[in-house]
Amino acid sequence: LHWRQFELERGTSVPRFLEIDMNPSDYLIGDRGELDRLMHHYDQAGAVLSDEMIANLVAINPMAINSPKGVISYGLTSYGYDMRIDRKYKVFTNLHSAVVDPKNFDKKCFVDIEDDVCIVPPNSFALGVSVEHFRIPRNVLAICVGKSTYARCGIVVNVTPLEPEWQGKVTIEISNTTPNPAKIYSNEGIAQVLFLKALLPCKISYADKKGRYQDQKDLTLPFVK
């Protein structure tokens, strides 16, 4: 039987993955109870949460189970959640020749749009915000990836990880990599969120360190504090 097992580094409680082919107890270094505790968490952990686990463990509001025909799909998937994009956008422009500075963001860098669709100019960029509000559990990390429908149109979606105990609406970055204008449909799917359950809860969560983008209620611009 092939096991993936922990070895406790001597004098610590830090788990290290080992690929072994023998009884895990033969590889015990340290306290047996600590290994049992780690093994219990390992048994309860899953690499990626399934649809049922997402519905039970992750607070998503409003949560859609499925989407109607004729739209870019959204809602629960087998191992993820396809979030929607709201009607509010900030589309970048060079009209005022403003410098994009993450420490001192100039509002002249973009124009505001609120509509059922957003046209992103060629080789340009827009910010949007999710319809859904997320609350990530302490032992979960969420990764966002693009949807194939937009990806095949040269539209790239980028969202940084949703950290443990982060909550709020997701600010979404949209890049139009094509030489043509690109259309984004509001209240339809924009990106898929994958939820990774950790082996052990983190010692310091995003809420613990009072992250600057905690509890976003709307599209949030970059800032440094």
Protein backbone atom coordinates (compact mmCIF):
# COMPACT_ATOMS: atom_id res chain seq x y z
CA LEU A 1 0.00 0.00 0.00
CA HIS A 2 1.38 3.42 -1.00
CA TRP A 3 1.05 6.07 1.67
CA ARG A 4 1.49 9.79 1.66
CA GLN A 5 2.44 10.48 5.21
CA PHE A 6 3.80 13.13 7.51
CA GLU A 7 7.11 13.21 9.24
CA LEU A 8 7.41 15.58 12.13
CA GLU A 9 10.64 17.50 12.00
CA ARG A 10 12.54 16.90 15.20
CA GLY A 11 11.68 19.43 17.89
CA THR A 12 8.83 21.02 15.90
CA SER A 13 5.22 20.38 14.96
CA VAL A 14 5.79 21.16 11.28
CA PRO A 15 4.47 18.39 8.99
CA ARG A 16 6.53 17.29 6.00
CA PHE A 17 5.06 15.17 3.23
CA LEU A 18 6.82 11.90 2.54
CA GLU A 19 6.13 9.30 -0.11
CA ILE A 20 6.49 5.96 1.65
CA ASP A 21 5.45 2.37 1.09
CA MET A 22 5.36 1.14 4.66
CA ASN A 23 3.23 1.56 7.76
CA PRO A 24 3.12 5.27 8.70
CA SER A 25 3.96 4.48 12.33
CA ASP A 26 7.38 3.24 11.20
CA TYR A 27 8.19 6.80 10.19
CA LEU A 28 7.08 8.51 13.38
CA ILE A 29 9.51 11.07 14.77
CA GLY A 30 8.19 12.77 17.89
CA ASP A 31 4.90 12.45 19.73
CA ARG A 32 2.39 9.81 18.63
CA GLY A 33 -0.55 11.97 19.65
CA GLU A 34 0.66 14.79 17.44
CA LEU A 35 0.81 12.47 14.46
CA ASP A 36 -2.68 11.19 15.21
CA ARG A 37 -3.93 14.78 15.35
CA LEU A 38 -2.33 15.57 12.01
CA MET A 39 -3.71 12.40 10.47
CA HIS A 40 -7.21 13.33 11.68
CA HIS A 41 -6.92 16.70 9.94
CA TYR A 42 -5.51 15.00 6.85
CA ASP A 43 -8.48 12.64 6.72
CA GLN A 44 -10.84 15.60 6.98
CA ALA A 45 -9.01 17.69 4.39
CA GLY A 46 -9.77 17.64 0.70
CA ALA A 47 -7.61 19.10 -2.04
CA VAL A 48 -10.58 20.79 -3.74
CA LEU A 49 -14.07 21.26 -2.31
CA SER A 50 -16.93 19.65 -4.19
CA ASP A 51 -20.24 21.38 -4.96
CA GLU A 52 -21.90 19.95 -1.84
CA MET A 53 -18.97 20.94 0.37
CA ILE A 54 -18.91 24.47 -1.06
CA ALA A 55 -22.63 24.87 -0.35
CA ASN A 56 -22.11 23.74 3.25
CA LEU A 57 -18.78 25.34 4.13
CA VAL A 58 -18.48 28.59 2.19
CA ALA A 59 -20.82 31.54 2.67
CA ILE A 60 -21.71 32.88 -0.80
CA ASN A 61 -24.52 35.40 -1.08
CA PRO A 62 -26.48 35.21 -3.28
CA MET A 63 -25.52 31.65 -4.20
CA ALA A 64 -26.75 30.42 -7.57
CA ILE A 65 -27.20 26.69 -8.09
CA ASN A 66 -27.32 26.93 -11.88
CA SER A 67 -27.87 29.47 -14.65
CA PRO A 68 -30.46 29.73 -17.44
CA LYS A 69 -29.69 28.97 -21.06
CA GLY A 70 -28.38 31.67 -23.31
CA VAL A 71 -26.05 33.29 -20.75
CA ILE A 72 -22.41 32.82 -19.82
CA SER A 73 -22.79 30.18 -17.13
CA TYR A 74 -22.60 30.91 -13.42
CA GLY A 75 -23.31 29.17 -10.12
CA LEU A 76 -22.13 25.97 -8.48
CA THR A 77 -20.00 23.62 -10.58
CA SER A 78 -18.72 20.15 -9.75
CA TYR A 79 -15.65 21.48 -7.92
CA GLY A 80 -16.03 25.24 -7.90
CA TYR A 81 -18.27 28.26 -8.17
CA ASP A 82 -18.68 30.47 -11.25
CA MET A 83 -19.16 34.00 -9.95
CA ARG A 84 -20.99 36.76 -11.80
CA ILE A 85 -19.84 40.27 -12.58
CA ASP A 86 -21.94 43.26 -11.50
CA ARG A 87 -22.98 46.26 -13.64
CA LYS A 88 -20.29 48.63 -12.29
CA TYR A 89 -16.98 48.95 -14.15
CA LYS A 90 -13.94 51.17 -14.26
CA VAL A 91 -12.39 51.14 -17.74
CA PHE A 92 -8.84 52.42 -18.03
CA THR A 93 -8.11 55.26 -20.43
CA ASN A 94 -5.06 57.31 -21.45
CA LEU A 95 -7.20 60.35 -22.20
CA HIS A 96 -5.58 62.36 -19.39
CA SER A 97 -2.15 60.67 -19.59
CA ALA A 98 -2.38 59.86 -15.88
CA VAL A 99 0.25 57.55 -14.37
CA VAL A 100 -0.99 54.26 -12.88
CA ASP A 101 0.54 54.31 -9.40
CA PRO A 102 -0.59 51.56 -6.96
CA LYS A 103 0.45 53.71 -3.98
CA ASN A 104 -1.32 56.85 -5.17
CA PHE A 105 -4.01 55.86 -7.62
CA ASP A 106 -5.26 58.67 -9.85
CA LYS A 107 -8.97 58.47 -10.69
CA LYS A 108 -8.20 60.11 -14.04
CA CYS A 109 -6.85 56.70 -15.12
CA PHE A 110 -10.32 55.37 -15.82
CA VAL A 111 -13.91 56.15 -16.73
CA ASP A 112 -16.89 54.80 -14.80
CA ILE A 113 -19.49 52.67 -16.54
CA GLU A 114 -22.68 51.16 -15.13
CA ASP A 115 -24.55 49.15 -17.73
CA ASP A 116 -25.75 45.70 -18.79
CA VAL A 117 -22.62 45.38 -20.93
CA CYS A 118 -19.14 46.88 -20.78
CA ILE A 119 -17.02 47.46 -23.88
CA VAL A 120 -13.33 47.11 -23.09
CA PRO A 121 -11.19 48.90 -25.71
CA PRO A 122 -8.51 46.99 -27.67
CA ASN A 123 -5.44 46.07 -25.61
CA SER A 124 -7.00 47.74 -22.60
CA PHE A 125 -8.10 46.85 -19.10
CA ALA A 126 -11.13 47.20 -16.84
CA LEU A 127 -12.05 46.60 -13.23
CA GLY A 128 -15.33 45.04 -12.17
CA VAL A 129 -16.87 43.60 -9.02
CA SER A 130 -18.63 40.34 -8.29
CA VAL A 131 -22.37 40.07 -7.72
CA GLU A 132 -21.66 37.61 -4.92
CA HIS A 133 -20.33 38.34 -1.45
CA PHE A 134 -17.90 35.67 -0.20
CA ARG A 135 -16.85 34.69 3.31
CA ILE A 136 -13.89 32.32 3.23
CA PRO A 137 -13.43 29.87 6.14
CA ARG A 138 -10.22 29.92 8.17
CA ASN A 139 -8.98 26.61 6.73
CA VAL A 140 -9.80 27.40 3.08
CA LEU A 141 -7.92 29.27 0.34
CA ALA A 142 -9.80 30.22 -2.84
CA ILE A 143 -8.16 30.52 -6.26
CA CYS A 144 -9.89 32.27 -9.17
CA VAL A 145 -9.42 31.30 -12.81
CA GLY A 146 -10.99 32.52 -16.03
CA LYS A 147 -13.90 31.01 -17.92
CA SER A 148 -13.27 29.26 -21.21
CA THR A 149 -15.87 31.31 -23.12
CA TYR A 150 -14.06 34.58 -22.43
CA ALA A 151 -10.60 32.99 -22.68
CA ARG A 152 -11.36 31.90 -26.27
CA CYS A 153 -12.14 35.54 -27.07
CA GLY A 154 -8.76 36.75 -25.80
CA ILE A 155 -10.27 38.15 -22.60
CA VAL A 156 -8.12 37.38 -19.56
CA VAL A 157 -9.54 37.56 -16.04
CA ASN A 158 -7.19 37.97 -13.09
CA VAL A 159 -8.18 37.76 -9.43
CA THR A 160 -5.67 37.31 -6.63
CA PRO A 161 -6.34 34.51 -4.09
CA LEU A 162 -9.17 34.90 -1.60
CA GLU A 163 -7.33 34.33 1.66
CA PRO A 164 -8.55 32.52 4.79
CA GLU A 165 -11.22 34.55 6.62
CA TRP A 166 -11.33 37.21 3.91
CA GLN A 167 -14.83 38.42 3.21
CA GLY A 168 -16.41 40.83 0.78
CA LYS A 169 -17.21 41.30 -2.88
CA VAL A 170 -14.41 40.39 -5.28
CA THR A 171 -12.72 43.11 -7.33
CA ILE A 172 -12.11 41.57 -10.76
CA GLU A 173 -9.41 42.56 -13.24
CA ILE A 174 -10.28 42.10 -16.94
CA SER A 175 -7.75 42.41 -19.76
CA ASN A 176 -8.69 42.60 -23.42
CA THR A 177 -5.62 41.19 -25.17
CA THR A 178 -7.11 41.50 -28.66
CA PRO A 179 -6.82 44.35 -31.21
CA ASN A 180 -10.62 44.62 -31.19
CA PRO A 181 -13.15 45.97 -28.66
CA ALA A 182 -14.46 43.27 -26.32
CA LYS A 183 -17.89 42.97 -24.70
CA ILE A 184 -18.40 41.89 -21.06
CA TYR A 185 -21.91 40.84 -20.01
CA SER A 186 -23.10 42.04 -16.61
CA ASN A 187 -24.83 39.64 -14.21
CA GLU A 188 -23.37 36.67 -16.07
CA GLY A 189 -20.42 34.39 -15.32
CA ILE A 190 -16.94 35.92 -15.37
CA ALA A 191 -14.60 33.59 -13.44
CA GLN A 192 -14.49 30.27 -11.62
CA VAL A 193 -13.50 30.09 -7.95
CA LEU A 194 -11.82 26.91 -6.67
CA PHE A 195 -11.79 26.29 -2.92
CA LEU A 196 -8.80 24.46 -1.42
CA LYS A 197 -9.23 23.06 2.07
CA ALA A 198 -6.00 23.11 4.07
CA LEU A 199 -4.50 20.32 6.12
CA LEU A 200 -4.42 22.57 9.20
CA PRO A 201 -6.01 25.96 9.96
CA CYS A 202 -3.59 28.84 9.51
CA LYS A 203 -2.13 30.58 12.56
CA ILE A 204 -2.79 34.06 11.16
CA SER A 205 -5.73 34.67 8.83
CA TYR A 206 -6.48 37.67 6.62
CA ALA A 207 -8.93 38.88 9.27
CA ASP A 208 -6.32 38.49 12.03
CA LYS A 209 -3.85 40.73 10.22
CA LYS A 210 -6.61 43.21 9.32
CA GLY A 211 -5.96 43.06 5.59
CA ARG A 212 -6.59 46.30 3.73
CA TYR A 213 -9.17 44.79 1.36
CA GLN A 214 -11.24 43.12 4.07
CA ASP A 215 -15.03 43.46 3.84
CA GLN A 216 -15.14 45.09 0.39
CA LYS A 217 -18.70 46.11 -0.34
CA ASP A 218 -18.08 47.41 -3.85
CA LEU A 219 -15.41 47.74 -6.51
CA THR A 220 -12.27 48.74 -4.59
CA LEU A 221 -9.28 50.58 -6.04
CA PRO A 222 -5.70 49.82 -4.96
CA PHE A 223 -4.31 51.59 -1.93
CA VAL A 224 -1.43 51.23 0.51
CA LYS A 225 -1.66 52.01 4.19
